[in-house]
Amino acid sequence: MIRRFFWLVVGIGIGAGGSFWANRRVRRVIDRYAPEEIRARVENRVRSMGEEVRSAVAEGRDAMREREAQLGARPRRNRRSPWDPRVTDAREEALRERASLGSLGHYRHGL
């Protein structure tokens, strides 16, 4: 879980840093080479792309939460805690059975 969180933070940092760097780079190029009308169009397009990215990320998060809810709602099989009384009782019963079989019991019963 800590590794996931670490890589999540690293990914967010790289994404934010890359986005900031790309934004600065594009603005410099626009300022250097474009007339005012083209510059305004490009800025509007960049803004709309940013909105599209934000909506895609939000949609992805919603899908992730939905899938996590589905996985959390599934019944868990064979995942009992070692402290579960049913598991402890089953272990004790198996130990008692082995003790009652004696030292050669596993040969007689094919265990």
C-alpha atoms as a PDB file:
ATOM      1  CA  MET A   1       0.000   0.000   0.000  1.00  0.00           C
ATOM      2  CA  ILE A   2       2.851   2.373   0.824  1.00  0.00           C
ATOM      3  CA  ARG A   3       4.512   1.592  -2.500  1.00  0.00           C
ATOM      4  CA  ARG A   4       1.310   2.419  -4.353  1.00  0.00           C
ATOM      5  CA  PHE A   5       1.012   5.693  -2.489  1.00  0.00           C
ATOM      6  CA  PHE A   6       4.668   6.510  -3.177  1.00  0.00           C
ATOM      7  CA  TRP A   7       4.308   5.885  -6.904  1.00  0.00           C
ATOM      8  CA  LEU A   8       1.026   7.787  -6.959  1.00  0.00           C
ATOM      9  CA  VAL A   9       2.759  10.819  -5.453  1.00  0.00           C
ATOM     10  CA  VAL A  10       5.716  10.440  -7.836  1.00  0.00           C
ATOM     11  CA  GLY A  11       3.354  10.219 -10.803  1.00  0.00           C
ATOM     12  CA  ILE A  12       1.405  13.261  -9.705  1.00  0.00           C
ATOM     13  CA  GLY A  13       4.648  15.196  -9.214  1.00  0.00           C
ATOM     14  CA  ILE A  14       6.005  14.227 -12.607  1.00  0.00           C
ATOM     15  CA  GLY A  15       2.679  14.952 -14.272  1.00  0.00           C
ATOM     16  CA  ALA A  16       2.349  18.361 -12.647  1.00  0.00           C
ATOM     17  CA  GLY A  17       5.968  19.249 -13.350  1.00  0.00           C
ATOM     18  CA  GLY A  18       5.735  18.089 -16.957  1.00  0.00           C
ATOM     19  CA  SER A  19       2.505  19.975 -17.440  1.00  0.00           C
ATOM     20  CA  PHE A  20       3.999  23.160 -15.991  1.00  0.00           C
ATOM     21  CA  TRP A  21       7.129  22.812 -18.145  1.00  0.00           C
ATOM     22  CA  ALA A  22       5.115  22.126 -21.309  1.00  0.00           C
ATOM     23  CA  ASN A  23       2.809  25.057 -20.585  1.00  0.00           C
ATOM     24  CA  ARG A  24       5.775  27.432 -20.197  1.00  0.00           C
ATOM     25  CA  ARG A  25       7.429  26.102 -23.327  1.00  0.00           C
ATOM     26  CA  VAL A  26       4.282  26.423 -25.444  1.00  0.00           C
ATOM     27  CA  ARG A  27       3.621  29.954 -24.193  1.00  0.00           C
ATOM     28  CA  ARG A  28       7.170  31.013 -25.056  1.00  0.00           C
ATOM     29  CA  VAL A  29       6.855  29.635 -28.579  1.00  0.00           C
ATOM     30  CA  ILE A  30       3.446  31.267 -29.000  1.00  0.00           C
ATOM     31  CA  ASP A  31       4.748  34.598 -27.779  1.00  0.00           C
ATOM     32  CA  ARG A  32       7.717  34.417 -30.102  1.00  0.00           C
ATOM     33  CA  TYR A  33       6.092  33.336 -33.374  1.00  0.00           C
ATOM     34  CA  ALA A  34       2.339  33.930 -33.446  1.00  0.00           C
ATOM     35  CA  PRO A  35       0.208  36.955 -34.215  1.00  0.00           C
ATOM     36  CA  GLU A  36      -2.369  37.938 -31.627  1.00  0.00           C
ATOM     37  CA  GLU A  37      -5.391  36.151 -33.215  1.00  0.00           C
ATOM     38  CA  ILE A  38      -3.615  32.836 -33.613  1.00  0.00           C
ATOM     39  CA  ARG A  39      -2.266  33.140 -30.122  1.00  0.00           C
ATOM     40  CA  ALA A  40      -5.777  33.602 -28.716  1.00  0.00           C
ATOM     41  CA  ARG A  41      -7.038  30.568 -30.663  1.00  0.00           C
ATOM     42  CA  VAL A  42      -4.192  28.400 -29.434  1.00  0.00           C
ATOM     43  CA  GLU A  43      -4.731  29.536 -25.852  1.00  0.00           C
ATOM     44  CA  ASN A  44      -8.426  28.675 -26.085  1.00  0.00           C
ATOM     45  CA  ARG A  45      -7.586  25.251 -27.527  1.00  0.00           C
ATOM     46  CA  VAL A  46      -5.053  24.596 -24.766  1.00  0.00           C
ATOM     47  CA  ARG A  47      -7.643  25.566 -22.152  1.00  0.00           C
ATOM     48  CA  SER A  48     -10.245  23.277 -23.708  1.00  0.00           C
ATOM     49  CA  MET A  49      -7.719  20.443 -23.797  1.00  0.00           C
ATOM     50  CA  GLY A  50      -7.045  21.031 -20.112  1.00  0.00           C
ATOM     51  CA  GLU A  51     -10.765  20.794 -19.401  1.00  0.00           C
ATOM     52  CA  GLU A  52     -10.956  17.571 -21.425  1.00  0.00           C
ATOM     53  CA  VAL A  53      -8.059  16.109 -19.458  1.00  0.00           C
ATOM     54  CA  ARG A  54      -9.688  17.102 -16.165  1.00  0.00           C
ATOM     55  CA  SER A  55     -12.982  15.491 -17.182  1.00  0.00           C
ATOM     56  CA  ALA A  56     -11.158  12.337 -18.332  1.00  0.00           C
ATOM     57  CA  VAL A  57      -9.342  12.116 -14.999  1.00  0.00           C
ATOM     58  CA  ALA A  58     -12.623  12.631 -13.114  1.00  0.00           C
ATOM     59  CA  GLU A  59     -14.282   9.929 -15.211  1.00  0.00           C
ATOM     60  CA  GLY A  60     -11.373   7.579 -14.515  1.00  0.00           C
ATOM     61  CA  ARG A  61     -11.610   8.245 -10.786  1.00  0.00           C
ATOM     62  CA  ASP A  62     -15.341   7.551 -10.830  1.00  0.00           C
ATOM     63  CA  ALA A  63     -14.754   4.274 -12.675  1.00  0.00           C
ATOM     64  CA  MET A  64     -12.013   3.373 -10.188  1.00  0.00           C
ATOM     65  CA  ARG A  65     -14.281   4.052  -7.205  1.00  0.00           C
ATOM     66  CA  GLU A  66     -17.082   2.042  -8.800  1.00  0.00           C
ATOM     67  CA  ARG A  67     -14.764  -0.913  -9.423  1.00  0.00           C
ATOM     68  CA  GLU A  68     -13.381  -0.727  -5.884  1.00  0.00           C
ATOM     69  CA  ALA A  69     -16.962  -0.770  -4.564  1.00  0.00           C
ATOM     70  CA  GLN A  70     -17.699  -3.834  -6.707  1.00  0.00           C
ATOM     71  CA  LEU A  71     -14.598  -5.596  -5.431  1.00  0.00           C
ATOM     72  CA  GLY A  72     -15.373  -4.649  -1.855  1.00  0.00           C
ATOM     73  CA  ALA A  73     -18.917  -5.994  -2.177  1.00  0.00           C
ATOM     74  CA  ARG A  74     -17.780  -9.430  -3.383  1.00  0.00           C
ATOM     75  CA  PRO A  75     -17.812 -12.149  -0.745  1.00  0.00           C
ATOM     76  CA  ARG A  76     -14.357 -13.174   0.354  1.00  0.00           C
ATOM     77  CA  ARG A  77     -13.727 -16.879   0.237  1.00  0.00           C
ATOM     78  CA  ASN A  78     -10.999 -18.700   2.133  1.00  0.00           C
ATOM     79  CA  ARG A  79      -9.724 -15.519   3.705  1.00  0.00           C
ATOM     80  CA  ARG A  80     -10.207 -16.170   7.355  1.00  0.00           C
ATOM     81  CA  SER A  81      -8.062 -14.548   9.938  1.00  0.00           C
ATOM     82  CA  PRO A  82      -5.839 -16.826  12.028  1.00  0.00           C
ATOM     83  CA  TRP A  83      -7.668 -15.397  15.039  1.00  0.00           C
ATOM     84  CA  ASP A  84     -11.048 -16.463  13.700  1.00  0.00           C
ATOM     85  CA  PRO A  85     -12.473 -19.024  16.183  1.00  0.00           C
ATOM     86  CA  ARG A  86     -13.590 -21.270  13.322  1.00  0.00           C
ATOM     87  CA  VAL A  87     -10.023 -21.519  12.036  1.00  0.00           C
ATOM     88  CA  THR A  88      -8.613 -22.168  15.508  1.00  0.00           C
ATOM     89  CA  ASP A  89     -11.230 -24.851  16.182  1.00  0.00           C
ATOM     90  CA  ALA A  90     -10.465 -26.563  12.871  1.00  0.00           C
ATOM     91  CA  ARG A  91      -6.740 -26.564  13.666  1.00  0.00           C
ATOM     92  CA  GLU A  92      -7.288 -27.974  17.130  1.00  0.00           C
ATOM     93  CA  GLU A  93      -9.550 -30.670  15.717  1.00  0.00           C
ATOM     94  CA  ALA A  94      -6.945 -31.623  13.102  1.00  0.00           C
ATOM     95  CA  LEU A  95      -4.241 -31.818  15.797  1.00  0.00           C
ATOM     96  CA  ARG A  96      -6.450 -34.012  18.010  1.00  0.00           C
ATOM     97  CA  GLU A  97      -7.166 -36.293  15.063  1.00  0.00           C
ATOM     98  CA  ARG A  98      -3.459 -36.646  14.283  1.00  0.00           C
ATOM     99  CA  ALA A  99      -2.700 -37.399  17.917  1.00  0.00           C
ATOM    100  CA  SER A 100      -5.363 -40.099  18.031  1.00  0.00           C
ATOM    101  CA  LEU A 101      -3.975 -41.776  14.897  1.00  0.00           C
ATOM    102  CA  GLY A 102      -0.586 -42.345  16.508  1.00  0.00           C
ATOM    103  CA  SER A 103       2.793 -42.199  14.863  1.00  0.00           C
ATOM    104  CA  LEU A 104       1.824 -44.395  11.863  1.00  0.00           C
ATOM    105  CA  GLY A 105      -1.650 -43.000  11.388  1.00  0.00           C
ATOM    106  CA  HIS A 106      -0.779 -41.117   8.233  1.00  0.00           C
ATOM    107  CA  TYR A 107       0.213 -44.403   6.530  1.00  0.00           C
ATOM    108  CA  ARG A 108      -3.038 -46.138   7.454  1.00  0.00           C
ATOM    109  CA  HIS A 109      -5.257 -43.344   6.169  1.00  0.00           C
ATOM    110  CA  GLY A 110      -3.272 -42.362   3.097  1.00  0.00           C
ATOM    111  CA  LEU A 111      -2.392 -38.896   4.397  1.00  0.00           C
END
